[in-house]
C-alpha cells in the first residue's frame, strides 16, 4: 500500500518535470494556466539544482540532474522502508 502510493507520487512528479521541460520549448505555453500550475509545482525543486548547475550555452541540464536525484531519493526511501520492514 505505502509502496504503491509512493511509486505513484514519484512517477507523477517525474512526468510533471518532463512536461515542464517540454513546455519551456514553446514559450506561449509557459504562460498558459497549465504552464503556470506546472511552474508552481516543479520550479521549487528545479531551482535548487539551477543554483549549482549553470546552463551550458542555451541548454539547461539541471532538469536531467534533478530527475537523477529524484530517482536516487526514491531508491533511498524504498531502501529505508525495506529496512524498517514496511515493504
Protein backbone atom coordinates (compact mmCIF):
# COMPACT_ATOMS: atom_id res chain seq x y z
CA UNK A 1 0.00 0.00 0.00
CA UNK A 2 2.66 2.53 1.05
CA UNK A 3 4.95 1.40 -1.76
CA UNK A 4 2.27 1.81 -4.43
CA UNK A 5 1.34 5.30 -3.20
CA UNK A 6 4.98 6.39 -3.13
CA UNK A 7 5.65 4.88 -6.54
CA UNK A 8 2.60 6.64 -7.97
CA UNK A 9 3.67 10.00 -6.46
CA UNK A 10 7.22 9.73 -7.79
CA UNK A 11 6.03 8.71 -11.26
CA UNK A 12 3.61 11.65 -11.42
CA UNK A 13 6.37 14.07 -10.38
CA UNK A 14 8.75 12.62 -12.99
CA UNK A 15 6.10 13.19 -15.64
CA UNK A 16 5.40 16.74 -14.43
CA UNK A 17 9.09 17.63 -14.66
CA UNK A 18 9.34 16.22 -18.18
CA UNK A 19 6.20 18.07 -19.31
CA UNK A 20 7.56 21.29 -17.76
CA UNK A 21 10.80 20.89 -19.70
CA UNK A 22 8.89 20.36 -22.94
CA UNK A 23 6.77 23.43 -22.20
CA UNK A 24 9.95 25.50 -21.99
CA UNK A 25 10.47 24.84 -25.71
CA UNK A 26 7.19 26.61 -26.50
CA UNK A 27 7.21 29.99 -24.72
CA UNK A 28 3.50 30.66 -25.31
CA UNK A 29 2.55 27.53 -23.36
CA UNK A 30 4.58 28.58 -20.31
CA UNK A 31 2.22 31.49 -19.72
CA UNK A 32 -0.88 29.32 -20.01
CA UNK A 33 -2.76 28.23 -16.88
CA UNK A 34 -1.30 24.73 -17.20
CA UNK A 35 2.21 26.14 -17.59
CA UNK A 36 1.81 28.36 -14.55
CA UNK A 37 0.48 25.45 -12.48
CA UNK A 38 3.41 23.26 -13.52
CA UNK A 39 5.80 26.09 -12.71
CA UNK A 40 4.43 26.34 -9.18
CA UNK A 41 4.76 22.58 -8.68
CA UNK A 42 8.10 21.86 -10.37
CA UNK A 43 10.15 25.05 -10.19
CA UNK A 44 10.85 24.99 -6.42
CA UNK A 45 12.53 21.59 -6.86
CA UNK A 46 14.38 22.56 -10.05
CA UNK A 47 15.57 25.88 -8.63
CA UNK A 48 17.72 24.02 -6.11
CA UNK A 49 19.68 22.46 -8.97
CA UNK A 50 19.76 25.63 -11.05
CA UNK A 51 21.65 27.38 -8.25
CA UNK A 52 24.54 24.95 -8.65
CA UNK A 53 24.38 23.94 -12.32
CA UNK A 54 24.58 26.85 -14.74
CA UNK A 55 23.19 26.46 -18.27
CA UNK A 56 25.66 25.34 -20.92
CA UNK A 57 25.01 27.84 -23.66
CA UNK A 58 21.29 27.62 -24.26
CA UNK A 59 20.98 24.14 -22.77
CA UNK A 60 19.85 23.75 -19.17
CA UNK A 61 20.91 20.33 -17.88
CA UNK A 62 19.62 20.91 -14.35
CA UNK A 63 16.32 19.04 -15.03
CA UNK A 64 18.31 15.95 -16.04
CA UNK A 65 20.32 16.09 -12.82
CA UNK A 66 17.11 16.74 -10.88
CA UNK A 67 15.49 13.64 -12.37
CA UNK A 68 18.52 11.52 -11.43
CA UNK A 69 18.49 12.96 -7.91
CA UNK A 70 14.77 12.26 -7.58
CA UNK A 71 15.39 8.67 -8.66
CA UNK A 72 18.13 8.27 -6.04
CA UNK A 73 15.84 9.72 -3.36
CA UNK A 74 13.13 7.28 -4.42
CA UNK A 75 15.53 4.33 -4.17
CA UNK A 76 16.75 5.57 -0.79
CA UNK A 77 13.22 5.81 0.56
CA UNK A 78 12.48 2.31 -0.70
CA UNK A 79 15.64 1.01 0.96
CA UNK A 80 14.71 2.65 4.26
CA UNK A 81 11.16 1.29 4.08
CA UNK A 82 12.54 -2.17 3.33
CA UNK A 83 14.99 -1.91 6.22
CA UNK A 84 12.21 -0.87 8.60
CA UNK A 85 10.03 -3.68 7.30
CA UNK A 86 7.19 -1.65 5.83
CA UNK A 87 7.52 -3.21 2.39
